[in-house]
Amino acid sequence: MKKFKKSNQNPKKSTKDIQLPNEKIQNIIQQSFYQTQIDKINNIDADINHLEKIFTDETYYAAMKIVPLLERKVLYLSYIENARLNDICKRLKLQKNEVISLRNKGIEHFKNNLKTLYKANNIKNGGDS
């Protein structure tokens, strides 16, 4: 009968590369990125007059910075503090239709500012509009 030599390798010590599908890796990276961004937003000391401080992207910051102050206040209360329409009206001493109008105008101003800033950056960098 032949005797077999025992291997010096411990099966517990041998490691194999773990391969994950690309989709799984992308999901892990995205979740990590989104969680980091959410943590940054939660840690930002923004107040009602400085909604733009929430944005880490320069373009978004600039776009929000030039939105009129009252519109920024309404956006802040609506989306950061999740205040109800009645609460916003009481706090800013405005009518419901004024608050709704200011919120809509604020969103439109922000979007238009972004478009303008992106176009300006594109032109500045020598690209086509």
Protein backbone atom coordinates (compact mmCIF):
# COMPACT_ATOMS: atom_id res chain seq x y z
CA MET A 1 0.00 0.00 0.00
CA LYS A 2 1.32 3.41 -0.95
CA LYS A 3 1.46 6.16 1.55
CA PHE A 4 0.54 9.61 0.47
CA LYS A 5 2.47 12.56 1.70
CA LYS A 6 0.40 15.07 3.52
CA SER A 7 0.30 18.39 1.84
CA ASN A 8 1.78 21.31 3.73
CA GLN A 9 -0.99 23.53 2.49
CA ASN A 10 -3.81 24.21 4.85
CA PRO A 11 -7.07 24.40 2.90
CA LYS A 12 -8.25 27.21 5.17
CA LYS A 13 -5.23 29.32 4.27
CA SER A 14 -5.61 29.04 0.51
CA THR A 15 -7.61 31.87 -0.89
CA LYS A 16 -9.32 32.27 -4.17
CA ASP A 17 -10.27 35.51 -5.77
CA ILE A 18 -13.91 36.26 -5.35
CA GLN A 19 -15.39 37.48 -8.56
CA LEU A 20 -18.58 39.46 -8.56
CA PRO A 21 -20.64 40.31 -11.61
CA ASN A 22 -20.15 43.85 -12.92
CA GLU A 23 -23.72 44.78 -11.99
CA LYS A 24 -23.10 43.80 -8.37
CA ILE A 25 -19.89 45.85 -8.22
CA GLN A 26 -21.64 48.85 -9.79
CA ASN A 27 -24.48 48.60 -7.27
CA ILE A 28 -22.04 48.48 -4.36
CA ILE A 29 -20.16 51.52 -5.67
CA GLN A 30 -23.38 53.45 -6.32
CA GLN A 31 -24.77 52.68 -2.87
CA SER A 32 -21.53 53.81 -1.29
CA PHE A 33 -21.50 57.01 -3.37
CA TYR A 34 -25.14 57.84 -2.63
CA GLN A 35 -24.71 57.17 1.08
CA THR A 36 -21.66 59.44 1.14
CA GLN A 37 -23.63 62.21 -0.60
CA ILE A 38 -26.56 61.81 1.81
CA ASP A 39 -24.17 61.99 4.77
CA LYS A 40 -22.63 65.18 3.33
CA ILE A 41 -26.08 66.74 2.97
CA ASN A 42 -27.06 65.75 6.50
CA ASN A 43 -23.87 67.28 7.90
CA ILE A 44 -24.16 70.59 6.05
CA ASP A 45 -25.04 73.57 8.17
CA ALA A 46 -27.46 75.25 5.80
CA ASP A 47 -30.00 77.74 7.00
CA ILE A 48 -33.10 79.16 5.42
CA ASN A 49 -31.15 81.99 3.75
CA HIS A 50 -28.40 79.77 2.34
CA LEU A 51 -29.98 76.82 0.59
CA GLU A 52 -27.10 76.83 -1.93
CA LYS A 53 -24.73 75.49 0.77
CA ILE A 54 -26.31 72.08 0.30
CA PHE A 55 -24.73 71.67 -3.13
CA THR A 56 -21.14 70.49 -3.36
CA ASP A 57 -21.13 70.90 -7.14
CA GLU A 58 -19.97 74.42 -8.11
CA THR A 59 -22.51 74.77 -10.91
CA TYR A 60 -25.46 73.77 -8.72
CA TYR A 61 -24.21 76.07 -5.97
CA ALA A 62 -23.97 79.02 -8.36
CA ALA A 63 -27.36 78.25 -9.90
CA MET A 64 -29.07 78.22 -6.50
CA LYS A 65 -27.14 81.24 -5.24
CA ILE A 66 -28.73 83.49 -7.88
CA VAL A 67 -32.29 82.30 -7.22
CA PRO A 68 -34.14 85.15 -5.43
CA LEU A 69 -33.98 84.90 -1.63
CA LEU A 70 -37.70 84.47 -0.98
CA GLU A 71 -37.89 81.66 -3.53
CA ARG A 72 -34.86 79.98 -1.90
CA LYS A 73 -36.59 80.24 1.49
CA VAL A 74 -39.71 78.54 0.14
CA LEU A 75 -37.60 75.81 -1.50
CA TYR A 76 -35.64 75.32 1.71
CA LEU A 77 -38.75 74.97 3.84
CA SER A 78 -40.44 72.71 1.28
CA TYR A 79 -37.62 70.33 0.48
CA ILE A 80 -35.11 70.49 3.31
CA GLU A 81 -37.38 70.93 6.31
CA ASN A 82 -40.30 69.11 4.63
CA ALA A 83 -42.64 71.77 5.99
CA ARG A 84 -46.29 71.65 4.97
CA LEU A 85 -47.83 74.39 2.91
CA ASN A 86 -49.75 75.83 5.88
CA ASP A 87 -46.58 75.94 7.99
CA ILE A 88 -44.67 77.74 5.26
CA CYS A 89 -47.50 80.27 4.91
CA LYS A 90 -47.48 81.01 8.64
CA ARG A 91 -43.69 81.25 8.84
CA LEU A 92 -43.29 83.56 5.86
CA LYS A 93 -46.61 85.35 6.36
CA LEU A 94 -47.76 84.60 2.82
CA GLN A 95 -50.91 83.25 1.19
CA LYS A 96 -51.02 79.66 -0.10
CA ASN A 97 -51.14 80.71 -3.75
CA GLU A 98 -48.11 82.97 -3.20
CA VAL A 99 -46.09 80.12 -1.67
CA ILE A 100 -47.04 77.75 -4.48
CA SER A 101 -46.13 80.39 -7.06
CA LEU A 102 -42.80 81.14 -5.35
CA ARG A 103 -41.93 77.43 -5.17
CA ASN A 104 -42.67 76.96 -8.87
CA LYS A 105 -40.73 80.10 -9.80
CA GLY A 106 -37.80 78.99 -7.63
CA ILE A 107 -37.64 75.63 -9.38
CA GLU A 108 -37.86 77.30 -12.81
CA HIS A 109 -35.20 79.87 -11.91
CA PHE A 110 -32.89 77.12 -10.66
CA LYS A 111 -33.37 75.05 -13.83
CA ASN A 112 -32.85 78.06 -16.10
CA ASN A 113 -29.77 79.11 -14.14
CA LEU A 114 -28.34 75.62 -14.53
CA LYS A 115 -28.94 75.64 -18.28
CA THR A 116 -27.30 79.06 -18.59
CA LEU A 117 -24.30 78.06 -16.48
CA TYR A 118 -23.80 74.79 -18.39
CA LYS A 119 -23.93 76.68 -21.69
CA ALA A 120 -21.44 79.25 -20.38
CA ASN A 121 -19.10 76.47 -19.19
CA ASN A 122 -19.41 74.71 -22.53
CA ILE A 123 -18.59 77.89 -24.45
CA LYS A 124 -15.75 78.69 -22.05
CA ASN A 125 -14.27 75.23 -22.62
CA GLY A 126 -14.52 75.68 -26.41
CA GLY A 127 -17.41 73.30 -27.00
CA ASP A 128 -20.54 73.82 -29.02
CA SER A 129 -23.66 75.10 -27.27
